[in-house]
Amino acid sequence: MKRRFRFITLLLVAIFVIGAACKSKSGQTDTTATSGMPAGIVVKTVKVNNLTATLLSSNGKLKVGDQEVTLAFNDAVGKSVDVGAVSLNFHMPPMGGMGAMNDVVTFTTTDTLGVYRGKVHVSMAGEWQAQLAYEGSAGTGKTTFSVTAQ
């Protein structure tokens, strides 16, 4: 009887350990299939008309220099929405003897509806005004939000 109890206990422990090892170590892996949100860490989420736009990066931050970002659009229930043409410009107004700066994100579509992958070179650290616009089958929308580059 003691042998059987030990065997069952050992088997349950093994199942628990294997299950824990197979589980994702981070909630930031590719979650597109379960939540409609692409892989990455959220930098900023904003409302644009009746949609939610989410800017993501690999580390959840906007950094100085070259980088890739992802922009995802969802409706009120979280379903991905294809908005058509998308633009995002990081704008810093003139300061002192320095002129205004505009760092434009170049987007490409992805295989996932409503998810756009972009490349940008952010010129310097500091607070930027992100100017987001879209136009297409989901209508037109514009918004501005602040984001800090580190």
Foldseek 3Di string as FASTA:
>chain_A
DVVVVVVVVVVVVVVVVVVVVPDDPDPQAACCVPQVDGHFAFLDWDDWPQKIKTKGANDSAAAAFKGKIKIAIAGPVRHTAAQADKWKWWWDCDDDPRHIDIKTWDWDDDPRHRMIMTMIHHHDWAKTKIWIWTHDPVHITIDIDIHTYD
